[in-house]
């Protein structure tokens, strides 16, 4: 039985009358490989429901109305104690 099928296969693929499925097998295999790798690495079938799994209940804002160190109408455009001019103090080497 196997020899008959193999013989028919050899006859069908020999000569100039090669079947078209043989030409389509290459691109179909490439598409199947790409699709399986995409699904494996992206886990699109295992994703969670974002709205359901990350539900956070809202709470009222907590705070008070006390002002702390309010500075208005100042002409000083820099921050006191900045070290933008001394890069050796800013940058520390990792050892």
PDB file of N, CA and C in Angstrom:
ATOM      1  N   UNK A   1       0.823  -1.192   0.000  1.00  0.00           N
ATOM      2  CA  UNK A   1       0.000   0.000   0.000  1.00  0.00           C
ATOM      3  C   UNK A   1       0.870   1.259   0.000  1.00  0.00           C
ATOM      4  N   UNK A   2       1.874   1.279   0.892  1.00  0.00           N
ATOM      5  CA  UNK A   2       2.757   2.438   0.970  1.00  0.00           C
ATOM      6  C   UNK A   2       3.553   2.590  -0.323  1.00  0.00           C
ATOM      7  N   UNK A   3       3.953   1.444  -0.901  1.00  0.00           N
ATOM      8  CA  UNK A   3       4.724   1.520  -2.137  1.00  0.00           C
ATOM      9  C   UNK A   3       3.900   2.096  -3.277  1.00  0.00           C
ATOM     10  N   UNK A   4       2.615   1.793  -3.311  1.00  0.00           N
ATOM     11  CA  UNK A   4       1.745   2.318  -4.370  1.00  0.00           C
ATOM     12  C   UNK A   4       1.595   3.834  -4.224  1.00  0.00           C
ATOM     13  N   UNK A   5       1.368   4.284  -2.993  1.00  0.00           N
ATOM     14  CA  UNK A   5       1.217   5.727  -2.752  1.00  0.00           C
ATOM     15  C   UNK A   5       2.522   6.447  -3.062  1.00  0.00           C
ATOM     16  N   UNK A   6       3.646   5.857  -2.643  1.00  0.00           N
ATOM     17  CA  UNK A   6       4.945   6.453  -2.916  1.00  0.00           C
ATOM     18  C   UNK A   6       5.224   6.501  -4.417  1.00  0.00           C
ATOM     19  N   UNK A   7       4.844   5.426  -5.125  1.00  0.00           N
ATOM     20  CA  UNK A   7       5.041   5.390  -6.574  1.00  0.00           C
ATOM     21  C   UNK A   7       4.196   6.462  -7.260  1.00  0.00           C
ATOM     22  N   UNK A   8       2.948   6.631  -6.824  1.00  0.00           N
ATOM     23  CA  UNK A   8       2.084   7.665  -7.401  1.00  0.00           C
ATOM     24  C   UNK A   8       2.633   9.064  -7.103  1.00  0.00           C
ATOM     25  N   UNK A   9       3.188   9.227  -5.915  1.00  0.00           N
ATOM     26  CA  UNK A   9       3.764  10.519  -5.539  1.00  0.00           C
ATOM     27  C   UNK A   9       4.974  10.853  -6.404  1.00  0.00           C
ATOM     28  N   UNK A  10       5.823   9.869  -6.623  1.00  0.00           N
ATOM     29  CA  UNK A  10       7.006  10.081  -7.457  1.00  0.00           C
ATOM     30  C   UNK A  10       6.593  10.389  -8.886  1.00  0.00           C
ATOM     31  N   UNK A  11       5.590   9.687  -9.392  1.00  0.00           N
ATOM     32  CA  UNK A  11       5.123   9.957 -10.748  1.00  0.00           C
ATOM     33  C   UNK A  11       4.492  11.338 -10.858  1.00  0.00           C
ATOM     34  N   UNK A  12       3.785  11.754  -9.809  1.00  0.00           N
ATOM     35  CA  UNK A  12       3.114  13.054  -9.858  1.00  0.00           C
ATOM     36  C   UNK A  12       4.109  14.201  -9.773  1.00  0.00           C
ATOM     37  N   UNK A  13       5.213  13.992  -9.072  1.00  0.00           N
ATOM     38  CA  UNK A  13       6.178  15.081  -8.915  1.00  0.00           C
ATOM     39  C   UNK A  13       7.272  15.065  -9.962  1.00  0.00           C
ATOM     40  N   UNK A  14       7.374  14.006 -10.731  1.00  0.00           N
ATOM     41  CA  UNK A  14       8.420  13.966 -11.752  1.00  0.00           C
ATOM     42  C   UNK A  14       7.915  14.609 -13.036  1.00  0.00           C
ATOM     43  N   UNK A  15       8.811  15.197 -13.768  1.00  0.00           N
ATOM     44  CA  UNK A  15       8.428  15.803 -15.044  1.00  0.00           C
ATOM     45  C   UNK A  15       8.044  17.258 -14.881  1.00  0.00           C
ATOM     46  N   UNK A  16       7.413  17.783 -15.918  1.00  0.00           N
ATOM     47  CA  UNK A  16       7.032  19.194 -15.929  1.00  0.00           C
ATOM     48  C   UNK A  16       5.681  19.452 -15.281  1.00  0.00           C
ATOM     49  N   UNK A  17       4.949  18.416 -14.957  1.00  0.00           N
ATOM     50  CA  UNK A  17       3.613  18.579 -14.387  1.00  0.00           C
ATOM     51  C   UNK A  17       3.655  18.480 -12.860  1.00  0.00           C
ATOM     52  N   UNK A  18       4.511  19.241 -12.227  1.00  0.00           N
ATOM     53  CA  UNK A  18       4.595  19.230 -10.758  1.00  0.00           C
ATOM     54  C   UNK A  18       3.336  19.869 -10.185  1.00  0.00           C
ATOM     55  N   UNK A  19       2.815  19.323  -9.119  1.00  0.00           N
ATOM     56  CA  UNK A  19       1.575  19.868  -8.544  1.00  0.00           C
ATOM     57  C   UNK A  19       1.808  21.247  -7.912  1.00  0.00           C
ATOM     58  N   UNK A  20       0.781  22.048  -7.950  1.00  0.00           N
ATOM     59  CA  UNK A  20       0.873  23.402  -7.409  1.00  0.00           C
ATOM     60  C   UNK A  20       0.955  23.417  -5.888  1.00  0.00           C
ATOM     61  N   UNK A  21       0.452  22.365  -5.238  1.00  0.00           N
ATOM     62  CA  UNK A  21       0.504  22.347  -3.774  1.00  0.00           C
ATOM     63  C   UNK A  21       1.941  22.315  -3.275  1.00  0.00           C
ATOM     64  N   UNK A  22       2.821  21.777  -4.087  1.00  0.00           N
ATOM     65  CA  UNK A  22       4.223  21.737  -3.702  1.00  0.00           C
ATOM     66  C   UNK A  22       4.818  23.148  -3.692  1.00  0.00           C
ATOM     67  N   UNK A  23       4.394  23.989  -4.626  1.00  0.00           N
ATOM     68  CA  UNK A  23       4.854  25.373  -4.642  1.00  0.00           C
ATOM     69  C   UNK A  23       4.235  26.189  -3.513  1.00  0.00           C
ATOM     70  N   UNK A  24       3.015  25.849  -3.136  1.00  0.00           N
ATOM     71  CA  UNK A  24       2.329  26.580  -2.071  1.00  0.00           C
ATOM     72  C   UNK A  24       2.777  26.133  -0.687  1.00  0.00           C
ATOM     73  N   UNK A  25       3.461  24.997  -0.584  1.00  0.00           N
ATOM     74  CA  UNK A  25       3.876  24.484   0.725  1.00  0.00           C
ATOM     75  C   UNK A  25       4.909  25.396   1.383  1.00  0.00           C
ATOM     76  N   UNK A  26       5.781  26.006   0.612  1.00  0.00           N
ATOM     77  CA  UNK A  26       6.802  26.892   1.180  1.00  0.00           C
ATOM     78  C   UNK A  26       6.217  28.125   1.851  1.00  0.00           C
ATOM     79  N   UNK A  27       5.428  28.930   1.129  1.00  0.00           N
ATOM     80  CA  UNK A  27       4.818  30.097   1.777  1.00  0.00           C
ATOM     81  C   UNK A  27       3.853  29.723   2.899  1.00  0.00           C
ATOM     82  N   UNK A  28       3.132  28.622   2.736  1.00  0.00           N
ATOM     83  CA  UNK A  28       2.213  28.201   3.799  1.00  0.00           C
ATOM     84  C   UNK A  28       2.987  27.807   5.050  1.00  0.00           C
ATOM     85  N   UNK A  29       4.104  27.135   4.879  1.00  0.00           N
ATOM     86  CA  UNK A  29       4.938  26.783   6.030  1.00  0.00           C
ATOM     87  C   UNK A  29       5.525  28.007   6.699  1.00  0.00           C
ATOM     88  N   UNK A  30       5.908  28.997   5.902  1.00  0.00           N
ATOM     89  CA  UNK A  30       6.451  30.234   6.466  1.00  0.00           C
ATOM     90  C   UNK A  30       5.394  30.986   7.263  1.00  0.00           C
ATOM     91  N   UNK A  31       4.183  31.056   6.731  1.00  0.00           N
ATOM     92  CA  UNK A  31       3.093  31.727   7.441  1.00  0.00           C
ATOM     93  C   UNK A  31       2.768  30.989   8.730  1.00  0.00           C
ATOM     94  N   UNK A  32       2.719  29.668   8.687  1.00  0.00           N
ATOM     95  CA  UNK A  32       2.428  28.887   9.892  1.00  0.00           C
ATOM     96  C   UNK A  32       3.519  29.060  10.942  1.00  0.00           C
ATOM     97  N   UNK A  33       4.765  29.105  10.530  1.00  0.00           N
ATOM     98  CA  UNK A  33       5.866  29.306  11.474  1.00  0.00           C
ATOM     99  C   UNK A  33       5.808  30.697  12.091  1.00  0.00           C
ATOM    100  N   UNK A  34       5.568  31.718  11.271  1.00  0.00           N
ATOM    101  CA  UNK A  34       5.467  33.087  11.780  1.00  0.00           C
ATOM    102  C   UNK A  34       4.312  33.204  12.765  1.00  0.00           C
ATOM    103  N   UNK A  35       3.174  32.646  12.424  1.00  0.00           N
ATOM    104  CA  UNK A  35       1.990  32.728  13.280  1.00  0.00           C
ATOM    105  C   UNK A  35       2.225  32.021  14.606  1.00  0.00           C
ATOM    106  N   UNK A  36       2.849  30.845  14.582  1.00  0.00           N
ATOM    107  CA  UNK A  36       3.081  30.115  15.830  1.00  0.00           C
ATOM    108  C   UNK A  36       4.099  30.839  16.713  1.00  0.00           C
ATOM    109  N   UNK A  37       5.154  31.409  16.119  1.00  0.00           N
ATOM    110  CA  UNK A  37       6.119  32.167  16.918  1.00  0.00           C
ATOM    111  C   UNK A  37       5.495  33.444  17.477  1.00  0.00           C
ATOM    112  N   UNK A  38       4.658  34.106  16.697  1.00  0.00           N
ATOM    113  CA  UNK A  38       3.978  35.311  17.165  1.00  0.00           C
ATOM    114  C   UNK A  38       3.090  34.998  18.355  1.00  0.00           C
ATOM    115  N   UNK A  39       2.309  33.926  18.253  1.00  0.00           N
ATOM    116  CA  UNK A  39       1.433  33.559  19.370  1.00  0.00           C
ATOM    117  C   UNK A  39       2.227  33.109  20.582  1.00  0.00           C
ATOM    118  N   UNK A  40       3.359  32.461  20.379  1.00  0.00           N
ATOM    119  CA  UNK A  40       4.168  31.978  21.495  1.00  0.00           C
ATOM    120  C   UNK A  40       4.771  33.144  22.275  1.00  0.00           C
ATOM    121  N   UNK A  41       5.298  34.130  21.571  1.00  0.00           N
ATOM    122  CA  UNK A  41       5.971  35.223  22.254  1.00  0.00           C
ATOM    123  C   UNK A  41       5.031  36.335  22.695  1.00  0.00           C
ATOM    124  N   UNK A  42       3.927  36.549  22.028  1.00  0.00           N
ATOM    125  CA  UNK A  42       3.006  37.616  22.396  1.00  0.00           C
ATOM    126  C   UNK A  42       1.963  37.175  23.408  1.00  0.00           C
ATOM    127  N   UNK A  43       1.712  35.882  23.518  1.00  0.00           N
ATOM    128  CA  UNK A  43       0.714  35.342  24.444  1.00  0.00           C
ATOM    129  C   UNK A  43      -0.642  36.023  24.258  1.00  0.00           C
ATOM    130  N   UNK A  44      -1.046  36.205  23.010  1.00  0.00           N
ATOM    131  CA  UNK A  44      -2.303  36.903  22.761  1.00  0.00           C
ATOM    132  C   UNK A  44      -3.503  36.103  23.234  1.00  0.00           C
ATOM    133  N   UNK A  45      -3.381  34.815  23.315  1.00  0.00           N
ATOM    134  CA  UNK A  45      -4.511  34.020  23.781  1.00  0.00           C
ATOM    135  C   UNK A  45      -4.550  33.915  25.299  1.00  0.00           C
ATOM    136  N   UNK A  46      -3.548  34.443  25.999  1.00  0.00           N
ATOM    137  CA  UNK A  46      -3.497  34.349  27.448  1.00  0.00           C
ATOM    138  C   UNK A  46      -3.559  35.718  28.119  1.00  0.00           C
ATOM    139  N   UNK A  47      -3.972  36.738  27.392  1.00  0.00           N
ATOM    140  CA  UNK A  47      -3.993  38.076  27.977  1.00  0.00           C
ATOM    141  C   UNK A  47      -5.164  38.213  28.946  1.00  0.00           C
ATOM    142  N   UNK A  48      -5.012  39.095  29.908  1.00  0.00           N
ATOM    143  CA  UNK A  48      -6.046  39.293  30.913  1.00  0.00           C
ATOM    144  C   UNK A  48      -6.952  40.453  30.517  1.00  0.00           C
ATOM    145  N   UNK A  49      -8.082  40.507  31.166  1.00  0.00           N
ATOM    146  CA  UNK A  49      -9.005  41.612  30.938  1.00  0.00           C
ATOM    147  C   UNK A  49      -8.529  42.791  31.778  1.00  0.00           C
ATOM    148  N   UNK A  50      -8.006  43.811  31.129  1.00  0.00           N
ATOM    149  CA  UNK A  50      -7.376  44.926  31.834  1.00  0.00           C
ATOM    150  C   UNK A  50      -8.366  45.637  32.753  1.00  0.00           C
ATOM    151  N   UNK A  51      -9.558  45.908  32.277  1.00  0.00           N
ATOM    152  CA  UNK A  51     -10.528  46.648  33.073  1.00  0.00           C
ATOM    153  C   UNK A  51     -10.964  45.861  34.301  1.00  0.00           C
ATOM    154  N   UNK A  52     -11.032  44.554  34.204  1.00  0.00           N
ATOM    155  CA  UNK A  52     -11.481  43.735  35.327  1.00  0.00           C
ATOM    156  C   UNK A  52     -10.345  43.454  36.310  1.00  0.00           C
ATOM    157  N   UNK A  53      -9.168  43.123  35.813  1.00  0.00           N
ATOM    158  CA  UNK A  53      -8.078  42.705  36.695  1.00  0.00           C
ATOM    159  C   UNK A  53      -7.366  43.866  37.373  1.00  0.00           C
ATOM    160  N   UNK A  54      -7.465  45.058  36.840  1.00  0.00           N
ATOM    161  CA  UNK A  54      -6.765  46.198  37.427  1.00  0.00           C
ATOM    162  C   UNK A  54      -7.745  47.209  38.010  1.00  0.00           C
ATOM    163  N   UNK A  55      -8.859  46.739  38.510  1.00  0.00           N
ATOM    164  CA  UNK A  55      -9.885  47.613  39.062  1.00  0.00           C
ATOM    165  C   UNK A  55      -9.406  48.212  40.382  1.00  0.00           C
ATOM    166  N   UNK A  56      -9.458  49.525  40.491  1.00  0.00           N
ATOM    167  CA  UNK A  56      -9.066  50.238  41.701  1.00  0.00           C
ATOM    168  C   UNK A  56     -10.240  51.115  42.105  1.00  0.00           C
ATOM    169  N   UNK A  57     -10.628  51.014  43.365  1.00  0.00           N
ATOM    170  CA  UNK A  57     -11.740  51.830  43.831  1.00  0.00           C
ATOM    171  C   UNK A  57     -11.242  53.238  44.122  1.00  0.00           C
ATOM    172  N   UNK A  58     -12.010  54.211  43.717  1.00  0.00           N
ATOM    173  CA  UNK A  58     -11.633  55.610  43.905  1.00  0.00           C
ATOM    174  C   UNK A  58     -11.873  56.020  45.346  1.00  0.00           C
ATOM    175  N   UNK A  59     -10.974  56.820  45.879  1.00  0.00           N
ATOM    176  CA  UNK A  59     -11.100  57.353  47.229  1.00  0.00           C
ATOM    177  C   UNK A  59     -11.018  58.869  47.143  1.00  0.00           C
ATOM    178  N   UNK A  60     -11.632  59.550  48.100  1.00  0.00           N
ATOM    179  CA  UNK A  60     -11.568  61.008  48.059  1.00  0.00           C
ATOM    180  C   UNK A  60     -10.140  61.509  48.301  1.00  0.00           C
ATOM    181  N   UNK A  61      -9.847  62.673  47.741  1.00  0.00           N
ATOM    182  CA  UNK A  61      -8.529  63.277  47.889  1.00  0.00           C
ATOM    183  C   UNK A  61      -8.358  63.740  49.327  1.00  0.00           C
ATOM    184  N   UNK A  62      -7.213  63.419  49.905  1.00  0.00           N
ATOM    185  CA  UNK A  62      -6.947  63.827  51.285  1.00  0.00           C
ATOM    186  C   UNK A  62      -5.935  64.962  51.273  1.00  0.00           C
ATOM    187  N   UNK A  63      -6.186  65.969  52.062  1.00  0.00           N
ATOM    188  CA  UNK A  63      -5.268  67.095  52.126  1.00  0.00           C
ATOM    189  C   UNK A  63      -5.821  68.169  53.043  1.00  0.00           C
ATOM    190  N   UNK A  64      -5.109  69.258  53.141  1.00  0.00           N
ATOM    191  CA  UNK A  64      -5.560  70.368  53.965  1.00  0.00           C
ATOM    192  C   UNK A  64      -5.299  71.671  53.224  1.00  0.00           C
ATOM    193  N   UNK A  65      -5.766  72.748  53.770  1.00  0.00           N
ATOM    194  CA  UNK A  65      -5.724  74.025  53.075  1.00  0.00           C
ATOM    195  C   UNK A  65      -4.617  74.929  53.588  1.00  0.00           C
ATOM    196  N   UNK A  66      -3.651  74.424  54.273  1.00  0.00           N
ATOM    197  CA  UNK A  66      -2.591  75.248  54.842  1.00  0.00           C
ATOM    198  C   UNK A  66      -1.509  75.504  53.796  1.00  0.00           C
ATOM    199  N   UNK A  67      -1.145  76.764  53.596  1.00  0.00           N
ATOM    200  CA  UNK A  67      -0.086  77.112  52.655  1.00  0.00           C
ATOM    201  C   UNK A  67       1.260  77.008  53.353  1.00  0.00           C
ATOM    202  N   UNK A  68       2.241  76.513  52.619  1.00  0.00           N
ATOM    203  CA  UNK A  68       3.578  76.368  53.174  1.00  0.00           C
ATOM    204  C   UNK A  68       4.558  77.093  52.259  1.00  0.00           C
ATOM    205  N   UNK A  69       5.317  78.042  52.792  1.00  0.00           N
ATOM    206  CA  UNK A  69       6.389  78.765  52.105  1.00  0.00           C
ATOM    207  C   UNK A  69       5.970  79.271  50.722  1.00  0.00           C
ATOM    208  N   UNK A  70       5.028  80.126  50.672  1.00  0.00           N
ATOM    209  CA  UNK A  70       4.565  80.700  49.414  1.00  0.00           C
ATOM    210  C   UNK A  70       5.468  81.864  49.021  1.00  0.00           C
ATOM    211  N   UNK A  71       6.054  81.810  47.837  1.00  0.00           N
ATOM    212  CA  UNK A  71       6.920  82.870  47.340  1.00  0.00           C
ATOM    213  C   UNK A  71       6.252  83.470  46.109  1.00  0.00           C
ATOM    214  N   UNK A  72       6.046  84.767  46.132  1.00  0.00           N
ATOM    215  CA  UNK A  72       5.418  85.406  44.981  1.00  0.00           C
ATOM    216  C   UNK A  72       6.252  86.602  44.529  1.00  0.00           C
ATOM    217  N   UNK A  73       6.144  86.955  43.265  1.00  0.00           N
ATOM    218  CA  UNK A  73       6.798  88.104  42.637  1.00  0.00           C
ATOM    219  C   UNK A  73       8.312  88.088  42.861  1.00  0.00           C
ATOM    220  N   UNK A  74       8.920  86.972  42.593  1.00  0.00           N
ATOM    221  CA  UNK A  74      10.366  86.893  42.744  1.00  0.00           C
ATOM    222  C   UNK A  74      11.049  87.020  41.392  1.00  0.00           C
ATOM    223  N   UNK A  75      12.245  87.561  41.370  1.00  0.00           N
ATOM    224  CA  UNK A  75      13.018  87.679  40.144  1.00  0.00           C
ATOM    225  C   UNK A  75      14.152  86.661  40.108  1.00  0.00           C
ATOM    226  N   UNK A  76      14.287  85.870  41.145  1.00  0.00           N
ATOM    227  CA  UNK A  76      15.346  84.857  41.204  1.00  0.00           C
ATOM    228  C   UNK A  76      14.892  83.653  40.376  1.00  0.00           C
ATOM    229  N   UNK A  77      15.550  83.425  39.228  1.00  0.00           N
ATOM    230  CA  UNK A  77      15.097  82.376  38.312  1.00  0.00           C
ATOM    231  C   UNK A  77      15.751  81.026  38.566  1.00  0.00           C
ATOM    232  N   UNK A  78      16.750  80.961  39.447  1.00  0.00           N
ATOM    233  CA  UNK A  78      17.390  79.671  39.705  1.00  0.00           C
ATOM    234  C   UNK A  78      17.034  79.167  41.102  1.00  0.00           C
ATOM    235  N   UNK A  79      17.396  77.952  41.355  1.00  0.00           N
ATOM    236  CA  UNK A  79      17.108  77.309  42.630  1.00  0.00           C
ATOM    237  C   UNK A  79      18.321  77.476  43.531  1.00  0.00           C
ATOM    238  N   UNK A  80      18.077  77.811  44.787  1.00  0.00           N
ATOM    239  CA  UNK A  80      19.176  77.970  45.733  1.00  0.00           C
ATOM    240  C   UNK A  80      19.886  76.643  45.936  1.00  0.00           C
ATOM    241  N   UNK A  81      21.214  76.654  45.851  1.00  0.00           N
ATOM    242  CA  UNK A  81      22.002  75.448  46.089  1.00  0.00           C
ATOM    243  C   UNK A  81      22.124  74.539  44.884  1.00  0.00           C
ATOM    244  N   UNK A  82      21.808  75.014  43.689  1.00  0.00           N
ATOM    245  CA  UNK A  82      21.935  74.138  42.519  1.00  0.00           C
ATOM    246  C   UNK A  82      23.408  73.918  42.186  1.00  0.00           C
ATOM    247  N   UNK A  83      23.696  72.790  41.572  1.00  0.00           N
ATOM    248  CA  UNK A  83      25.076  72.459  41.227  1.00  0.00           C
ATOM    249  C   UNK A  83      25.213  72.209  39.722  1.00  0.00           C
ATOM    250  N   UNK A  84      24.504  72.995  38.931  1.00  0.00           N
ATOM    251  CA  UNK A  84      24.553  72.798  37.487  1.00  0.00           C
ATOM    252  C   UNK A  84      25.897  73.206  36.897  1.00  0.00           C
ATOM    253  N   UNK A  85      26.650  74.091  37.583  1.00  0.00           N
ATOM    254  CA  UNK A  85      27.937  74.513  37.059  1.00  0.00           C
ATOM    255  C   UNK A  85      29.085  73.601  37.462  1.00  0.00           C
ATOM    256  N   UNK A  86      28.892  72.788  38.480  1.00  0.00           N
ATOM    257  CA  UNK A  86      29.970  71.927  38.977  1.00  0.00           C
ATOM    258  C   UNK A  86      29.617  70.474  38.668  1.00  0.00           C
ATOM    259  N   UNK A  87      30.011  70.018  37.477  1.00  0.00           N
ATOM    260  CA  UNK A  87      29.601  68.679  37.060  1.00  0.00           C
ATOM    261  C   UNK A  87      30.322  67.582  37.828  1.00  0.00           C
ATOM    262  N   UNK A  88      31.457  67.854  38.409  1.00  0.00           N
ATOM    263  CA  UNK A  88      32.165  66.811  39.165  1.00  0.00           C
ATOM    264  C   UNK A  88      31.446  66.477  40.468  1.00  0.00           C
ATOM    265  N   UNK A  89      30.689  67.396  40.981  1.00  0.00           N
ATOM    266  CA  UNK A  89      29.886  67.108  42.173  1.00  0.00           C
ATOM    267  C   UNK A  89      28.625  66.351  41.779  1.00  0.00           C
ATOM    268  N   UNK A  90      28.045  66.731  40.618  1.00  0.00           N
ATOM    269  CA  UNK A  90      26.816  66.083  40.172  1.00  0.00           C
ATOM    270  C   UNK A  90      27.032  64.636  39.778  1.00  0.00           C
ATOM    271  N   UNK A  91      28.079  64.363  39.002  1.00  0.00           N
ATOM    272  CA  UNK A  91      28.308  63.031  38.456  1.00  0.00           C
ATOM    273  C   UNK A  91      29.187  62.246  39.414  1.00  0.00           C
ATOM    274  N   UNK A  92      28.680  61.119  39.857  1.00  0.00           N
ATOM    275  CA  UNK A  92      29.465  60.261  40.746  1.00  0.00           C
ATOM    276  C   UNK A  92      29.756  58.969  40.013  1.00  0.00           C
ATOM    277  N   UNK A  93      30.994  58.549  40.054  1.00  0.00           N
ATOM    278  CA  UNK A  93      31.395  57.337  39.342  1.00  0.00           C
ATOM    279  C   UNK A  93      31.032  56.101  40.143  1.00  0.00           C
ATOM    280  N   UNK A  94      30.632  55.055  39.425  1.00  0.00           N
ATOM    281  CA  UNK A  94      30.360  53.763  40.049  1.00  0.00           C
ATOM    282  C   UNK A  94      31.642  52.954  40.059  1.00  0.00           C
ATOM    283  N   UNK A  95      31.958  52.399  41.172  1.00  0.00           N
ATOM    284  CA  UNK A  95      33.186  51.594  41.258  1.00  0.00           C
ATOM    285  C   UNK A  95      32.878  50.209  41.747  1.00  0.00           C
TER     286      UNK A  95
END
